[in-house]
Amino acid sequence: MIRRGLSAVVALCMLMSLAGCDSKPAETTEVYVFAAASLSRPMEQLEASFEAAHPGVDIIVSTDSSGVLMTQIEEGARCDIFFSAGAKQMNQLTDEGFVDSSSVVEVLRNSLVVVGSVTLGTEVTGLDTLSNGNTIAICDATVPAGRYTRQALVNSGLIEEPEGGIEAITTADLMEALGVEVSEQSNVSKALTAVAEGSCDAGTCYCSDTYGYEDSIVILETIPQDISGSIIYPAGRVTDPEATEDENAMADEFFSYLQSDEAMDVFSIYYFE
């Protein structure tokens, strides 16, 4: 009886194994999204919501400065959707044929703010008094937030625009014009973190970046957009030669989802306009 019982178990296991060999694992539909660093938190929430409603879909979000992401797309990185913090990067990719110009839509707006460290305290009260700080966190000129900051400084008469334009203003130029040490950051999230953690006593970032940091930073000034320039977040569909038909269809669906009322409600939580 025992032998017969064991034989039956072995036979059942063999059948289950054979059945498993015949079945194929479910394929995952992958969508690659490149989004500006300031979009990190809302994109995490939107990614999770979309995947929950679409089993078998994997939304792969990479965040960094818009300039870095643009370069990665130009160098051949897989990307289906580019969500930029500035029109300049989107326009360049459109001109180069990486982004379908007919797909580009302005999804969000933001505001540039001057923030101060709660831990360190600061004598900075806004853009005009950055020279009162000890160390100021400002993004480099390739990052949209760095360009908006430079534009605001030029329009406020705090620094002269060189012949090469806004992007030609170096960190050394900023330190000379403001008379203060400038800590150059490679993306806007790092600029905020430098102030929040007390490495710098003040800096500039987007209003949306301050969400969740209310205990460690204080908004000293919201810079008018007629000074900083309009801070627009365009999104566009990138031509991905490796994408399958299903992946392209799902990329289109997620692209539409980013423009939906549900997505707008999520973005508004994080202080986007």
C-alpha atoms as a PDB file:
ATOM      1  CA  MET A   1       0.000   0.000   0.000  1.00  0.00           C
ATOM      2  CA  ILE A   2       2.797   2.367   0.899  1.00  0.00           C
ATOM      3  CA  ARG A   3       4.635   1.606  -2.362  1.00  0.00           C
ATOM      4  CA  ARG A   4       1.471   2.133  -4.395  1.00  0.00           C
ATOM      5  CA  GLY A   5       0.851   5.424  -2.575  1.00  0.00           C
ATOM      6  CA  LEU A   6       4.378   6.641  -3.310  1.00  0.00           C
ATOM      7  CA  SER A   7       4.074   5.602  -6.933  1.00  0.00           C
ATOM      8  CA  ALA A   8       0.883   7.595  -7.274  1.00  0.00           C
ATOM      9  CA  VAL A   9       2.530  10.675  -5.772  1.00  0.00           C
ATOM     10  CA  VAL A  10       5.517  10.360  -8.089  1.00  0.00           C
ATOM     11  CA  ALA A  11       3.246   9.954 -11.105  1.00  0.00           C
ATOM     12  CA  LEU A  12       1.238  13.016 -10.085  1.00  0.00           C
ATOM     13  CA  CYS A  13       4.409  15.102  -9.696  1.00  0.00           C
ATOM     14  CA  MET A  14       5.580  13.987 -13.145  1.00  0.00           C
ATOM     15  CA  LEU A  15       2.269  15.000 -14.690  1.00  0.00           C
ATOM     16  CA  MET A  16       2.408  18.385 -12.984  1.00  0.00           C
ATOM     17  CA  SER A  17       5.973  18.856 -14.203  1.00  0.00           C
ATOM     18  CA  LEU A  18       5.009  18.008 -17.774  1.00  0.00           C
ATOM     19  CA  ALA A  19       2.053  20.344 -17.583  1.00  0.00           C
ATOM     20  CA  GLY A  20       4.363  23.062 -16.367  1.00  0.00           C
ATOM     21  CA  CYS A  21       6.659  22.528 -19.330  1.00  0.00           C
ATOM     22  CA  ASP A  22       3.773  23.048 -21.727  1.00  0.00           C
ATOM     23  CA  SER A  23       2.702  26.306 -20.127  1.00  0.00           C
ATOM     24  CA  LYS A  24       4.546  29.518 -21.010  1.00  0.00           C
ATOM     25  CA  PRO A  25       5.218  32.302 -18.497  1.00  0.00           C
ATOM     26  CA  ALA A  26       3.096  35.383 -19.018  1.00  0.00           C
ATOM     27  CA  GLU A  27       4.951  38.000 -21.030  1.00  0.00           C
ATOM     28  CA  THR A  28       5.421  41.442 -19.518  1.00  0.00           C
ATOM     29  CA  THR A  29       4.629  44.524 -21.566  1.00  0.00           C
ATOM     30  CA  GLU A  30       7.276  47.126 -20.758  1.00  0.00           C
ATOM     31  CA  VAL A  31       6.923  50.881 -21.175  1.00  0.00           C
ATOM     32  CA  TYR A  32       9.991  53.084 -20.669  1.00  0.00           C
ATOM     33  CA  VAL A  33       9.399  56.578 -19.285  1.00  0.00           C
ATOM     34  CA  PHE A  34      12.046  59.268 -18.810  1.00  0.00           C
ATOM     35  CA  ALA A  35      10.836  61.975 -16.424  1.00  0.00           C
ATOM     36  CA  ALA A  36      12.424  65.075 -14.899  1.00  0.00           C
ATOM     37  CA  ALA A  37      13.755  64.593 -11.368  1.00  0.00           C
ATOM     38  CA  SER A  38      11.119  66.931  -9.924  1.00  0.00           C
ATOM     39  CA  LEU A  39       8.438  64.481 -11.103  1.00  0.00           C
ATOM     40  CA  SER A  40       9.828  61.532  -9.131  1.00  0.00           C
ATOM     41  CA  ARG A  41       7.194  61.282  -6.390  1.00  0.00           C
ATOM     42  CA  PRO A  42       4.015  61.765  -8.433  1.00  0.00           C
ATOM     43  CA  MET A  43       5.361  59.435 -11.115  1.00  0.00           C
ATOM     44  CA  GLU A  44       5.891  56.690  -8.519  1.00  0.00           C
ATOM     45  CA  GLN A  45       2.252  56.986  -7.499  1.00  0.00           C
ATOM     46  CA  LEU A  46       0.954  57.087 -11.077  1.00  0.00           C
ATOM     47  CA  GLU A  47       3.132  54.152 -12.088  1.00  0.00           C
ATOM     48  CA  ALA A  48       1.754  52.022  -9.237  1.00  0.00           C
ATOM     49  CA  SER A  49      -1.868  52.958  -9.986  1.00  0.00           C
ATOM     50  CA  PHE A  50      -1.561  52.200 -13.688  1.00  0.00           C
ATOM     51  CA  GLU A  51       0.171  48.868 -13.135  1.00  0.00           C
ATOM     52  CA  ALA A  52      -2.483  47.832 -10.611  1.00  0.00           C
ATOM     53  CA  ALA A  53      -5.149  48.429 -13.240  1.00  0.00           C
ATOM     54  CA  HIS A  54      -3.118  46.728 -16.002  1.00  0.00           C
ATOM     55  CA  PRO A  55      -1.730  43.342 -14.883  1.00  0.00           C
ATOM     56  CA  GLY A  56       1.283  42.277 -16.887  1.00  0.00           C
ATOM     57  CA  VAL A  57       2.361  45.849 -17.627  1.00  0.00           C
ATOM     58  CA  ASP A  58       5.643  47.190 -16.250  1.00  0.00           C
ATOM     59  CA  ILE A  59       6.065  50.975 -16.351  1.00  0.00           C
ATOM     60  CA  ILE A  60       9.813  51.569 -16.032  1.00  0.00           C
ATOM     61  CA  VAL A  61      10.406  55.165 -14.920  1.00  0.00           C
ATOM     62  CA  SER A  62      13.861  56.758 -14.959  1.00  0.00           C
ATOM     63  CA  THR A  63      14.261  60.204 -13.392  1.00  0.00           C
ATOM     64  CA  ASP A  64      17.101  62.693 -13.666  1.00  0.00           C
ATOM     65  CA  SER A  65      17.672  66.189 -14.979  1.00  0.00           C
ATOM     66  CA  SER A  66      15.940  66.788 -18.308  1.00  0.00           C
ATOM     67  CA  GLY A  67      19.314  67.472 -19.953  1.00  0.00           C
ATOM     68  CA  VAL A  68      20.787  64.148 -18.827  1.00  0.00           C
ATOM     69  CA  LEU A  69      17.685  62.257 -19.963  1.00  0.00           C
ATOM     70  CA  MET A  70      17.752  64.032 -23.332  1.00  0.00           C
ATOM     71  CA  THR A  71      21.360  62.944 -23.870  1.00  0.00           C
ATOM     72  CA  GLN A  72      20.524  59.347 -22.972  1.00  0.00           C
ATOM     73  CA  ILE A  73      17.731  59.313 -25.566  1.00  0.00           C
ATOM     74  CA  GLU A  74      20.085  60.755 -28.166  1.00  0.00           C
ATOM     75  CA  GLU A  75      22.591  58.014 -27.348  1.00  0.00           C
ATOM     76  CA  GLY A  76      20.031  55.277 -27.982  1.00  0.00           C
ATOM     77  CA  ALA A  77      18.562  54.451 -24.561  1.00  0.00           C
ATOM     78  CA  ARG A  78      15.159  52.790 -24.735  1.00  0.00           C
ATOM     79  CA  CYS A  79      12.429  55.333 -24.093  1.00  0.00           C
ATOM     80  CA  ASP A  80       8.751  55.549 -25.056  1.00  0.00           C
ATOM     81  CA  ILE A  81       7.712  58.733 -23.225  1.00  0.00           C
ATOM     82  CA  PHE A  82       9.786  61.808 -22.383  1.00  0.00           C
ATOM     83  CA  PHE A  83       8.379  64.075 -19.652  1.00  0.00           C
ATOM     84  CA  SER A  84      10.606  67.156 -19.467  1.00  0.00           C
ATOM     85  CA  ALA A  85      10.864  70.054 -17.030  1.00  0.00           C
ATOM     86  CA  GLY A  86      11.666  72.398 -19.894  1.00  0.00           C
ATOM     87  CA  ALA A  87      10.673  73.030 -23.495  1.00  0.00           C
ATOM     88  CA  LYS A  88      14.297  73.358 -24.659  1.00  0.00           C
ATOM     89  CA  GLN A  89      15.094  69.657 -24.277  1.00  0.00           C
ATOM     90  CA  MET A  90      11.792  68.599 -25.813  1.00  0.00           C
ATOM     91  CA  ASN A  91      12.277  70.929 -28.771  1.00  0.00           C
ATOM     92  CA  GLN A  92      15.766  69.587 -29.415  1.00  0.00           C
ATOM     93  CA  LEU A  93      14.587  65.971 -29.428  1.00  0.00           C
ATOM     94  CA  THR A  94      11.708  66.933 -31.706  1.00  0.00           C
ATOM     95  CA  ASP A  95      14.057  68.688 -34.128  1.00  0.00           C
ATOM     96  CA  GLU A  96      16.330  65.645 -34.142  1.00  0.00           C
ATOM     97  CA  GLY A  97      13.448  63.284 -34.885  1.00  0.00           C
ATOM     98  CA  PHE A  98      13.475  61.358 -31.608  1.00  0.00           C
ATOM     99  CA  VAL A  99      10.100  62.707 -30.451  1.00  0.00           C
ATOM    100  CA  ASP A 100       6.931  62.843 -32.549  1.00  0.00           C
ATOM    101  CA  SER A 101       6.203  66.580 -32.710  1.00  0.00           C
ATOM    102  CA  SER A 102       2.451  65.972 -33.118  1.00  0.00           C
ATOM    103  CA  SER A 103       2.355  64.162 -29.767  1.00  0.00           C
ATOM    104  CA  VAL A 104       3.933  66.898 -27.630  1.00  0.00           C
ATOM    105  CA  VAL A 105       1.574  68.399 -25.057  1.00  0.00           C
ATOM    106  CA  GLU A 106       2.104  70.845 -22.184  1.00  0.00           C
ATOM    107  CA  VAL A 107       0.978  68.852 -19.160  1.00  0.00           C
ATOM    108  CA  LEU A 108       2.011  70.881 -16.105  1.00  0.00           C
ATOM    109  CA  ARG A 109       3.310  74.180 -14.812  1.00  0.00           C
ATOM    110  CA  ASN A 110       5.515  74.852 -11.811  1.00  0.00           C
ATOM    111  CA  SER A 111       7.052  77.777  -9.932  1.00  0.00           C
ATOM    112  CA  LEU A 112      10.641  78.551  -8.995  1.00  0.00           C
ATOM    113  CA  VAL A 113      11.127  79.237  -5.289  1.00  0.00           C
ATOM    114  CA  VAL A 114      13.929  80.369  -3.009  1.00  0.00           C
ATOM    115  CA  VAL A 115      14.140  78.069   0.017  1.00  0.00           C
ATOM    116  CA  GLY A 116      15.980  78.343   3.316  1.00  0.00           C
ATOM    117  CA  SER A 117      17.254  75.766   5.788  1.00  0.00           C
ATOM    118  CA  VAL A 118      15.272  75.386   9.009  1.00  0.00           C
ATOM    119  CA  THR A 119      18.261  73.680  10.680  1.00  0.00           C
ATOM    120  CA  LEU A 120      20.871  76.296   9.794  1.00  0.00           C
ATOM    121  CA  GLY A 121      18.690  79.347   9.518  1.00  0.00           C
ATOM    122  CA  THR A 122      19.592  81.941   6.905  1.00  0.00           C
ATOM    123  CA  GLU A 123      19.688  85.667   6.347  1.00  0.00           C
ATOM    124  CA  VAL A 124      18.419  85.152   2.806  1.00  0.00           C
ATOM    125  CA  THR A 125      14.856  86.394   2.349  1.00  0.00           C
ATOM    126  CA  GLY A 126      14.512  85.912  -1.391  1.00  0.00           C
ATOM    127  CA  LEU A 127      16.236  86.217  -4.736  1.00  0.00           C
ATOM    128  CA  ASP A 128      17.475  89.768  -4.115  1.00  0.00           C
ATOM    129  CA  THR A 129      19.238  88.761  -0.894  1.00  0.00           C
ATOM    130  CA  LEU A 130      20.999  85.558  -1.975  1.00  0.00           C
ATOM    131  CA  SER A 131      24.259  87.396  -1.268  1.00  0.00           C
ATOM    132  CA  ASN A 132      23.354  87.271   2.441  1.00  0.00           C
ATOM    133  CA  GLY A 133      23.696  83.497   2.487  1.00  0.00           C
ATOM    134  CA  ASN A 134      26.662  81.331   3.356  1.00  0.00           C
ATOM    135  CA  THR A 135      26.364  78.607   0.704  1.00  0.00           C
ATOM    136  CA  ILE A 136      23.633  78.626  -1.955  1.00  0.00           C
ATOM    137  CA  ALA A 137      22.468  75.495  -3.798  1.00  0.00           C
ATOM    138  CA  ILE A 138      21.790  76.184  -7.494  1.00  0.00           C
ATOM    139  CA  CYS A 139      21.505  73.681 -10.342  1.00  0.00           C
ATOM    140  CA  ASP A 140      24.004  73.825 -13.171  1.00  0.00           C
ATOM    141  CA  ALA A 141      23.141  75.509 -16.460  1.00  0.00           C
ATOM    142  CA  THR A 142      22.181  72.264 -18.245  1.00  0.00           C
ATOM    143  CA  VAL A 143      19.311  71.692 -15.793  1.00  0.00           C
ATOM    144  CA  PRO A 144      16.033  73.583 -16.418  1.00  0.00           C
ATOM    145  CA  ALA A 145      15.870  74.773 -12.785  1.00  0.00           C
ATOM    146  CA  GLY A 146      19.406  76.137 -13.181  1.00  0.00           C
ATOM    147  CA  ARG A 147      18.434  77.945 -16.366  1.00  0.00           C
ATOM    148  CA  TYR A 148      15.301  79.421 -14.779  1.00  0.00           C
ATOM    149  CA  THR A 149      17.372  80.615 -11.804  1.00  0.00           C
ATOM    150  CA  ARG A 150      19.916  82.276 -14.090  1.00  0.00           C
ATOM    151  CA  GLN A 151      17.128  83.885 -16.098  1.00  0.00           C
ATOM    152  CA  ALA A 152      15.576  85.256 -12.911  1.00  0.00           C
ATOM    153  CA  LEU A 153      18.933  86.646 -11.755  1.00  0.00           C
ATOM    154  CA  VAL A 154      19.463  88.352 -15.119  1.00  0.00           C
ATOM    155  CA  ASN A 155      15.944  89.788 -15.212  1.00  0.00           C
ATOM    156  CA  SER A 156      16.357  91.047 -11.640  1.00  0.00           C
ATOM    157  CA  GLY A 157      19.584  92.834 -12.551  1.00  0.00           C
ATOM    158  CA  LEU A 158      21.678  90.700 -10.197  1.00  0.00           C
ATOM    159  CA  ILE A 159      23.941  89.377 -12.947  1.00  0.00           C
ATOM    160  CA  GLU A 160      24.617  90.352 -16.548  1.00  0.00           C
ATOM    161  CA  GLU A 161      23.784  87.957 -19.354  1.00  0.00           C
ATOM    162  CA  PRO A 162      26.950  87.038 -21.286  1.00  0.00           C
ATOM    163  CA  GLU A 163      27.165  86.904 -25.059  1.00  0.00           C
ATOM    164  CA  GLY A 164      26.730  83.142 -24.933  1.00  0.00           C
ATOM    165  CA  GLY A 165      23.342  83.486 -23.267  1.00  0.00           C
ATOM    166  CA  ILE A 166      21.909  82.191 -19.995  1.00  0.00           C
ATOM    167  CA  GLU A 167      23.588  78.801 -20.216  1.00  0.00           C
ATOM    168  CA  ALA A 168      27.007  80.466 -20.462  1.00  0.00           C
ATOM    169  CA  ILE A 169      26.686  81.737 -16.867  1.00  0.00           C
ATOM    170  CA  THR A 170      29.033  79.507 -14.881  1.00  0.00           C
ATOM    171  CA  THR A 171      29.107  78.766 -11.173  1.00  0.00           C
ATOM    172  CA  ALA A 172      32.155  81.022 -10.911  1.00  0.00           C
ATOM    173  CA  ASP A 173      30.152  83.823 -12.533  1.00  0.00           C
ATOM    174  CA  LEU A 174      27.370  83.328  -9.992  1.00  0.00           C
ATOM    175  CA  MET A 175      29.762  83.431  -7.052  1.00  0.00           C
ATOM    176  CA  GLU A 176      31.408  86.590  -8.343  1.00  0.00           C
ATOM    177  CA  ALA A 177      28.120  88.372  -9.017  1.00  0.00           C
ATOM    178  CA  LEU A 178      26.420  87.334  -5.763  1.00  0.00           C
ATOM    179  CA  GLY A 179      29.501  87.397  -3.545  1.00  0.00           C
ATOM    180  CA  VAL A 180      28.583  84.073  -1.981  1.00  0.00           C
ATOM    181  CA  GLU A 181      29.668  80.444  -2.278  1.00  0.00           C
ATOM    182  CA  VAL A 182      27.521  78.489  -4.736  1.00  0.00           C
ATOM    183  CA  SER A 183      27.119  74.729  -4.485  1.00  0.00           C
ATOM    184  CA  GLU A 184      26.359  73.518  -8.009  1.00  0.00           C
ATOM    185  CA  GLN A 185      23.906  70.615  -8.211  1.00  0.00           C
ATOM    186  CA  SER A 186      23.261  68.210 -11.092  1.00  0.00           C
ATOM    187  CA  ASN A 187      19.470  68.121 -10.649  1.00  0.00           C
ATOM    188  CA  VAL A 188      16.810  70.003  -8.736  1.00  0.00           C
ATOM    189  CA  SER A 189      16.145  67.237  -6.207  1.00  0.00           C
ATOM    190  CA  LYS A 190      19.778  67.414  -5.107  1.00  0.00           C
ATOM    191  CA  ALA A 191      19.536  71.195  -4.755  1.00  0.00           C
ATOM    192  CA  LEU A 192      16.582  70.847  -2.400  1.00  0.00           C
ATOM    193  CA  THR A 193      18.258  68.043  -0.442  1.00  0.00           C
ATOM    194  CA  ALA A 194      21.371  70.180   0.070  1.00  0.00           C
ATOM    195  CA  VAL A 195      19.232  72.803   1.819  1.00  0.00           C
ATOM    196  CA  ALA A 196      16.991  70.337   3.657  1.00  0.00           C
ATOM    197  CA  GLU A 197      19.966  68.423   5.081  1.00  0.00           C
ATOM    198  CA  GLY A 198      21.808  71.602   6.061  1.00  0.00           C
ATOM    199  CA  SER A 199      24.697  71.495   3.579  1.00  0.00           C
ATOM    200  CA  CYS A 200      23.528  74.870   2.262  1.00  0.00           C
ATOM    201  CA  ASP A 201      21.548  77.539   4.074  1.00  0.00           C
ATOM    202  CA  ALA A 202      19.508  78.535   1.003  1.00  0.00           C
ATOM    203  CA  GLY A 203      18.934  77.663  -2.632  1.00  0.00           C
ATOM    204  CA  THR A 204      16.476  77.541  -5.504  1.00  0.00           C
ATOM    205  CA  CYS A 205      14.204  74.695  -6.583  1.00  0.00           C
ATOM    206  CA  TYR A 206      10.656  74.137  -7.788  1.00  0.00           C
ATOM    207  CA  CYS A 207       7.661  74.622  -5.532  1.00  0.00           C
ATOM    208  CA  SER A 208       6.694  70.986  -6.165  1.00  0.00           C
ATOM    209  CA  ASP A 209      10.001  69.786  -4.719  1.00  0.00           C
ATOM    210  CA  THR A 210       9.165  71.220  -1.306  1.00  0.00           C
ATOM    211  CA  TYR A 211       6.353  68.702  -0.736  1.00  0.00           C
ATOM    212  CA  GLY A 212       7.188  66.586   2.312  1.00  0.00           C
ATOM    213  CA  TYR A 213      10.046  68.862   3.374  1.00  0.00           C
ATOM    214  CA  GLU A 214       7.955  71.375   5.276  1.00  0.00           C
ATOM    215  CA  ASP A 215       9.770  70.582   8.544  1.00  0.00           C
ATOM    216  CA  SER A 216      13.273  71.095   7.150  1.00  0.00           C
ATOM    217  CA  ILE A 217      12.919  73.952   4.649  1.00  0.00           C
ATOM    218  CA  VAL A 218      10.962  77.179   4.398  1.00  0.00           C
ATOM    219  CA  ILE A 219       9.855  78.867   1.196  1.00  0.00           C
ATOM    220  CA  LEU A 220      11.337  82.366   1.324  1.00  0.00           C
ATOM    221  CA  GLU A 221      10.016  83.614  -2.015  1.00  0.00           C
ATOM    222  CA  THR A 222       7.987  82.378  -4.955  1.00  0.00           C
ATOM    223  CA  ILE A 223       9.608  83.983  -7.980  1.00  0.00           C
ATOM    224  CA  PRO A 224       7.115  85.490 -10.471  1.00  0.00           C
ATOM    225  CA  GLN A 225       7.159  83.749 -13.845  1.00  0.00           C
ATOM    226  CA  ASP A 226       7.620  87.021 -15.671  1.00  0.00           C
ATOM    227  CA  ILE A 227      11.068  87.002 -14.042  1.00  0.00           C
ATOM    228  CA  SER A 228      11.977  83.312 -14.185  1.00  0.00           C
ATOM    229  CA  GLY A 229      10.158  82.552 -17.419  1.00  0.00           C
ATOM    230  CA  SER A 230       7.197  80.191 -17.791  1.00  0.00           C
ATOM    231  CA  ILE A 231       8.037  76.837 -16.214  1.00  0.00           C
ATOM    232  CA  ILE A 232       6.255  74.335 -18.417  1.00  0.00           C
ATOM    233  CA  TYR A 233       6.453  70.527 -18.348  1.00  0.00           C
ATOM    234  CA  PRO A 234       5.885  69.088 -21.825  1.00  0.00           C
ATOM    235  CA  ALA A 235       5.529  65.368 -22.517  1.00  0.00           C
ATOM    236  CA  GLY A 236       5.958  63.585 -25.837  1.00  0.00           C
ATOM    237  CA  ARG A 237       6.056  60.136 -27.402  1.00  0.00           C
ATOM    238  CA  VAL A 238       9.528  58.949 -28.254  1.00  0.00           C
ATOM    239  CA  THR A 239      10.154  56.663 -31.226  1.00  0.00           C
ATOM    240  CA  ASP A 240      11.350  53.373 -29.731  1.00  0.00           C
ATOM    241  CA  PRO A 241      12.563  51.052 -32.514  1.00  0.00           C
ATOM    242  CA  GLU A 242      12.706  48.103 -30.105  1.00  0.00           C
ATOM    243  CA  ALA A 243       9.104  48.424 -28.928  1.00  0.00           C
ATOM    244  CA  THR A 244       6.596  45.763 -29.935  1.00  0.00           C
ATOM    245  CA  GLU A 245       3.111  46.561 -31.176  1.00  0.00           C
ATOM    246  CA  ASP A 246       1.672  45.788 -27.729  1.00  0.00           C
ATOM    247  CA  GLU A 247       4.288  47.958 -26.025  1.00  0.00           C
ATOM    248  CA  ASN A 248       3.553  50.881 -28.327  1.00  0.00           C
ATOM    249  CA  ALA A 249      -0.163  50.524 -27.664  1.00  0.00           C
ATOM    250  CA  MET A 250       0.397  50.470 -23.909  1.00  0.00           C
ATOM    251  CA  ALA A 251       2.793  53.444 -24.139  1.00  0.00           C
ATOM    252  CA  ASP A 252       0.024  55.378 -25.896  1.00  0.00           C
ATOM    253  CA  GLU A 253      -2.407  54.417 -23.143  1.00  0.00           C
ATOM    254  CA  PHE A 254      -0.041  55.463 -20.348  1.00  0.00           C
ATOM    255  CA  PHE A 255       0.723  58.698 -22.204  1.00  0.00           C
ATOM    256  CA  SER A 256      -3.018  59.478 -22.235  1.00  0.00           C
ATOM    257  CA  TYR A 257      -3.263  58.503 -18.575  1.00  0.00           C
ATOM    258  CA  LEU A 258      -0.632  61.119 -17.679  1.00  0.00           C
ATOM    259  CA  GLN A 259      -3.011  63.756 -19.064  1.00  0.00           C
ATOM    260  CA  SER A 260      -6.131  62.405 -17.339  1.00  0.00           C
ATOM    261  CA  ASP A 261      -8.106  64.038 -14.517  1.00  0.00           C
ATOM    262  CA  GLU A 262      -6.911  61.270 -12.201  1.00  0.00           C
ATOM    263  CA  ALA A 263      -3.280  62.102 -12.964  1.00  0.00           C
ATOM    264  CA  MET A 264      -3.925  65.832 -12.554  1.00  0.00           C
ATOM    265  CA  ASP A 265      -5.330  65.179  -9.077  1.00  0.00           C
ATOM    266  CA  VAL A 266      -2.110  63.343  -8.166  1.00  0.00           C
ATOM    267  CA  PHE A 267       0.122  66.073  -9.575  1.00  0.00           C
ATOM    268  CA  SER A 268      -1.778  68.744  -7.642  1.00  0.00           C
ATOM    269  CA  ILE A 269      -1.048  66.920  -4.370  1.00  0.00           C
ATOM    270  CA  TYR A 270       2.642  67.581  -5.029  1.00  0.00           C
ATOM    271  CA  TYR A 271       2.113  71.318  -5.651  1.00  0.00           C
ATOM    272  CA  PHE A 272       2.150  71.193  -9.454  1.00  0.00           C
ATOM    273  CA  GLU A 273      -0.160  73.569 -11.274  1.00  0.00           C
END
